[in-house]
């Protein structure tokens, strides 16, 4: 696995947008890779090749608003990869191989407005996955393997205006 050399991003504290998409050789995202990017707002890590993401890979990115991890062949995610991303409003996890989501995965992402989970293999959505989403407006989870969801799961999302769970087995 190839990781990003630390010297590539050191001292780039003024960066607000970073696109590392379509880098198939960058398949190991470790803690502190991006710790110097304290003003980062938009981050694209899409279209990789079987990326492995450490639990604290996005630590210190408190201003991050949008993150794309789409099309990375992710089959699992660490317990809380979005820890301390309190400003995150848009998250793209679509076109991966996720079969489940860790409990409490979005617990620090209370400002999330858009969550795209489509084209994965997710079998179930639980209250613990969506708990605390007072601002969520769009949940796109079509083309998964959803067979059920907990009763009333979407009723606790007061600002939800777009829900797409088509092409599932519900």
Foldseek 3Di string as FASTA:
>chain_A
DDADPQVVAPPVQVDAEDAPDPPQVHAEQEAPSHQSPLNHAYYEHDQYENHDYDLRSPPNNCNHAEYEHANHQDQADPQANCPNNQNHAYYHHAHHAHQEYHFQNCVNPQNHAYYAHAHYAHAEDELRNVPNNQRHAEYHHDHYAHQDYDPCSCVVHVNHDYYHHHNYND
